Amino acid sequence: MVTMTIKTFEDIIAWQKSRELFIIINKSLINCKNYSYKDQLLRATLSISNNIAEGFDRGSNKELRQFLVISRGSAAEVRSMLLMAEDLKLISSENLQSSMILVKDISRLLTGFIKSINGQQKTDNG
């Protein structure tokens, strides 16, 4: 298990940022009447943090890596939906900008985490 100084999923920076992202997006869409769009965006955003948490608590690097990849896919879905929200004028430019910065940071962090797990697996196996 990749631990470094990570003892719980709450210690993972990508999880912390995804929690922040969910709060921003949830508040941004408080008056959104397009309920199916809002629901899908919030579900995708929640999926980022939930998959990080679930993968971490599975206890193996193989499963953690799999869940981090799923989480990164959810981050891509959120980016796509945020761009649509901009087109539809569902989110303020300020909230869009802060959300996009966060979700891109999350994607980069997840990619780095996945690479570190891949490197550790090679070391463990070889």
C-alpha atoms as a PDB file:
ATOM      1  CA  MET A   1       0.000   0.000   0.000  1.00  0.00           C
ATOM      2  CA  VAL A   2       1.325   3.454  -0.892  1.00  0.00           C
ATOM      3  CA  THR A   3       1.495   5.299   2.383  1.00  0.00           C
ATOM      4  CA  MET A   4       4.235   7.954   2.414  1.00  0.00           C
ATOM      5  CA  THR A   5       2.624  10.220   5.033  1.00  0.00           C
ATOM      6  CA  ILE A   6      -0.862   9.170   3.976  1.00  0.00           C
ATOM      7  CA  LYS A   7      -2.646   7.337   6.753  1.00  0.00           C
ATOM      8  CA  THR A   8      -6.272   7.917   5.682  1.00  0.00           C
ATOM      9  CA  PHE A   9      -7.930   8.983   2.455  1.00  0.00           C
ATOM     10  CA  GLU A  10      -8.562  12.371   4.063  1.00  0.00           C
ATOM     11  CA  ASP A  11      -4.792  12.958   3.937  1.00  0.00           C
ATOM     12  CA  ILE A  12      -4.776  12.706   0.135  1.00  0.00           C
ATOM     13  CA  ILE A  13      -4.518  16.187  -1.385  1.00  0.00           C
ATOM     14  CA  ALA A  14      -6.592  15.200  -4.430  1.00  0.00           C
ATOM     15  CA  TRP A  15      -9.388  14.099  -2.073  1.00  0.00           C
ATOM     16  CA  GLN A  16      -9.171  17.389  -0.142  1.00  0.00           C
ATOM     17  CA  LYS A  17      -9.354  19.403  -3.360  1.00  0.00           C
ATOM     18  CA  SER A  18     -12.265  17.320  -4.678  1.00  0.00           C
ATOM     19  CA  ARG A  19     -14.154  18.052  -1.471  1.00  0.00           C
ATOM     20  CA  GLU A  20     -13.535  21.769  -2.020  1.00  0.00           C
ATOM     21  CA  LEU A  21     -14.594  21.424  -5.657  1.00  0.00           C
ATOM     22  CA  PHE A  22     -17.881  19.773  -4.681  1.00  0.00           C
ATOM     23  CA  ILE A  23     -18.705  22.613  -2.305  1.00  0.00           C
ATOM     24  CA  ILE A  24     -17.980  25.287  -4.935  1.00  0.00           C
ATOM     25  CA  ILE A  25     -20.013  23.546  -7.630  1.00  0.00           C
ATOM     26  CA  ASN A  26     -22.888  22.754  -5.280  1.00  0.00           C
ATOM     27  CA  LYS A  27     -23.121  26.389  -4.183  1.00  0.00           C
ATOM     28  CA  SER A  28     -22.732  27.597  -7.779  1.00  0.00           C
ATOM     29  CA  LEU A  29     -25.700  25.547  -8.960  1.00  0.00           C
ATOM     30  CA  ILE A  30     -28.006  26.300  -6.029  1.00  0.00           C
ATOM     31  CA  ASN A  31     -30.486  28.109  -8.309  1.00  0.00           C
ATOM     32  CA  CYS A  32     -30.020  25.867 -11.349  1.00  0.00           C
ATOM     33  CA  LYS A  33     -33.396  24.682 -12.667  1.00  0.00           C
ATOM     34  CA  ASN A  34     -31.883  22.128 -15.035  1.00  0.00           C
ATOM     35  CA  TYR A  35     -32.123  19.392 -12.416  1.00  0.00           C
ATOM     36  CA  SER A  36     -30.838  16.487 -14.498  1.00  0.00           C
ATOM     37  CA  TYR A  37     -27.759  18.476 -15.534  1.00  0.00           C
ATOM     38  CA  LYS A  38     -27.164  19.648 -11.968  1.00  0.00           C
ATOM     39  CA  ASP A  39     -27.585  16.119 -10.605  1.00  0.00           C
ATOM     40  CA  GLN A  40     -25.158  14.635 -13.144  1.00  0.00           C
ATOM     41  CA  LEU A  41     -22.505  17.284 -12.478  1.00  0.00           C
ATOM     42  CA  LEU A  42     -22.791  16.864  -8.718  1.00  0.00           C
ATOM     43  CA  ARG A  43     -22.671  13.065  -9.026  1.00  0.00           C
ATOM     44  CA  ALA A  44     -19.561  13.233 -11.213  1.00  0.00           C
ATOM     45  CA  THR A  45     -17.921  15.640  -8.772  1.00  0.00           C
ATOM     46  CA  LEU A  46     -18.749  13.407  -5.810  1.00  0.00           C
ATOM     47  CA  SER A  47     -17.447  10.416  -7.729  1.00  0.00           C
ATOM     48  CA  ILE A  48     -13.956  11.935  -7.704  1.00  0.00           C
ATOM     49  CA  SER A  49     -13.667  11.981  -3.914  1.00  0.00           C
ATOM     50  CA  ASN A  50     -15.637   8.788  -3.335  1.00  0.00           C
ATOM     51  CA  ASN A  51     -13.460   6.732  -5.670  1.00  0.00           C
ATOM     52  CA  ILE A  52     -10.291   8.063  -4.038  1.00  0.00           C
ATOM     53  CA  ALA A  53     -11.695   7.076  -0.633  1.00  0.00           C
ATOM     54  CA  GLU A  54     -12.905   3.656  -1.722  1.00  0.00           C
ATOM     55  CA  GLY A  55      -9.700   2.826  -3.562  1.00  0.00           C
ATOM     56  CA  PHE A  56      -7.532   3.847  -0.634  1.00  0.00           C
ATOM     57  CA  ASP A  57      -9.482   1.777   1.859  1.00  0.00           C
ATOM     58  CA  ARG A  58      -9.415  -1.331  -0.350  1.00  0.00           C
ATOM     59  CA  GLY A  59      -5.892  -1.917   0.962  1.00  0.00           C
ATOM     60  CA  SER A  60      -4.005  -2.855  -2.196  1.00  0.00           C
ATOM     61  CA  ASN A  61      -2.073  -0.767  -4.698  1.00  0.00           C
ATOM     62  CA  LYS A  62      -3.745  -2.559  -7.609  1.00  0.00           C
ATOM     63  CA  GLU A  63      -7.233  -1.611  -6.443  1.00  0.00           C
ATOM     64  CA  LEU A  64      -6.150   1.880  -5.397  1.00  0.00           C
ATOM     65  CA  ARG A  65      -4.723   2.475  -8.872  1.00  0.00           C
ATOM     66  CA  GLN A  66      -7.953   1.238 -10.503  1.00  0.00           C
ATOM     67  CA  PHE A  67     -10.095   3.592  -8.401  1.00  0.00           C
ATOM     68  CA  LEU A  68      -7.735   6.531  -9.004  1.00  0.00           C
ATOM     69  CA  VAL A  69      -8.102   5.978 -12.758  1.00  0.00           C
ATOM     70  CA  ILE A  70     -11.897   5.990 -12.357  1.00  0.00           C
ATOM     71  CA  SER A  71     -11.625   9.157 -10.270  1.00  0.00           C
ATOM     72  CA  ARG A  72      -9.519  10.802 -12.974  1.00  0.00           C
ATOM     73  CA  GLY A  73     -12.200   9.885 -15.526  1.00  0.00           C
ATOM     74  CA  SER A  74     -14.811  11.548 -13.335  1.00  0.00           C
ATOM     75  CA  ALA A  75     -12.617  14.660 -13.187  1.00  0.00           C
ATOM     76  CA  ALA A  76     -12.610  14.746 -17.001  1.00  0.00           C
ATOM     77  CA  GLU A  77     -16.401  14.431 -16.991  1.00  0.00           C
ATOM     78  CA  VAL A  78     -16.621  17.359 -14.561  1.00  0.00           C
ATOM     79  CA  ARG A  79     -14.369  19.490 -16.785  1.00  0.00           C
ATOM     80  CA  SER A  80     -16.548  18.734 -19.793  1.00  0.00           C
ATOM     81  CA  MET A  81     -19.735  19.533 -17.898  1.00  0.00           C
ATOM     82  CA  LEU A  82     -18.281  22.769 -16.531  1.00  0.00           C
ATOM     83  CA  LEU A  83     -17.553  23.904 -20.081  1.00  0.00           C
ATOM     84  CA  MET A  84     -21.178  23.152 -20.954  1.00  0.00           C
ATOM     85  CA  ALA A  85     -22.290  25.059 -17.844  1.00  0.00           C
ATOM     86  CA  GLU A  86     -20.338  28.030 -19.144  1.00  0.00           C
ATOM     87  CA  ASP A  87     -22.013  27.762 -22.543  1.00  0.00           C
ATOM     88  CA  LEU A  88     -25.433  27.564 -20.907  1.00  0.00           C
ATOM     89  CA  LYS A  89     -24.636  30.429 -18.496  1.00  0.00           C
ATOM     90  CA  LEU A  90     -25.355  28.169 -15.518  1.00  0.00           C
ATOM     91  CA  ILE A  91     -22.242  29.149 -13.581  1.00  0.00           C
ATOM     92  CA  SER A  92     -20.543  32.475 -12.950  1.00  0.00           C
ATOM     93  CA  SER A  93     -17.207  33.050 -14.651  1.00  0.00           C
ATOM     94  CA  GLU A  94     -15.541  33.348 -11.235  1.00  0.00           C
ATOM     95  CA  ASN A  95     -16.891  29.995 -10.042  1.00  0.00           C
ATOM     96  CA  LEU A  96     -16.123  28.420 -13.388  1.00  0.00           C
ATOM     97  CA  GLN A  97     -12.521  29.623 -13.242  1.00  0.00           C
ATOM     98  CA  SER A  98     -11.948  28.418  -9.670  1.00  0.00           C
ATOM     99  CA  SER A  99     -13.650  25.085 -10.425  1.00  0.00           C
ATOM    100  CA  MET A 100     -11.592  24.513 -13.569  1.00  0.00           C
ATOM    101  CA  ILE A 101      -8.348  25.279 -11.738  1.00  0.00           C
ATOM    102  CA  LEU A 102      -9.278  22.842  -8.980  1.00  0.00           C
ATOM    103  CA  VAL A 103     -10.401  20.029 -11.270  1.00  0.00           C
ATOM    104  CA  LYS A 104      -7.241  20.356 -13.396  1.00  0.00           C
ATOM    105  CA  ASP A 105      -5.126  20.271 -10.226  1.00  0.00           C
ATOM    106  CA  ILE A 106      -7.006  17.178  -9.104  1.00  0.00           C
ATOM    107  CA  SER A 107      -6.356  15.470 -12.445  1.00  0.00           C
ATOM    108  CA  ARG A 108      -2.633  16.275 -12.232  1.00  0.00           C
ATOM    109  CA  LEU A 109      -2.448  15.010  -8.647  1.00  0.00           C
ATOM    110  CA  LEU A 110      -4.253  11.798  -9.575  1.00  0.00           C
ATOM    111  CA  THR A 111      -1.934  11.238 -12.535  1.00  0.00           C
ATOM    112  CA  GLY A 112       1.094  11.696 -10.285  1.00  0.00           C
ATOM    113  CA  PHE A 113      -0.356   9.362  -7.666  1.00  0.00           C
ATOM    114  CA  ILE A 114      -1.063   6.704 -10.316  1.00  0.00           C
ATOM    115  CA  LYS A 115       2.499   7.017 -11.644  1.00  0.00           C
ATOM    116  CA  SER A 116       3.940   6.654  -8.141  1.00  0.00           C
ATOM    117  CA  ILE A 117       1.897   3.488  -7.604  1.00  0.00           C
ATOM    118  CA  ASN A 118       3.041   2.119 -10.966  1.00  0.00           C
ATOM    119  CA  GLY A 119       6.664   2.823 -10.015  1.00  0.00           C
ATOM    120  CA  GLN A 120       6.248   1.184  -6.630  1.00  0.00           C
ATOM    121  CA  GLN A 121       4.640  -1.908  -8.192  1.00  0.00           C
ATOM    122  CA  LYS A 122       7.627  -2.281 -10.542  1.00  0.00           C
ATOM    123  CA  THR A 123       9.991  -1.954  -7.592  1.00  0.00           C
ATOM    124  CA  ASP A 124       7.996  -4.468  -5.525  1.00  0.00           C
ATOM    125  CA  ASN A 125       7.856  -6.978  -8.382  1.00  0.00           C
ATOM    126  CA  GLY A 126      11.356  -6.612  -9.669  1.00  0.00           C
END
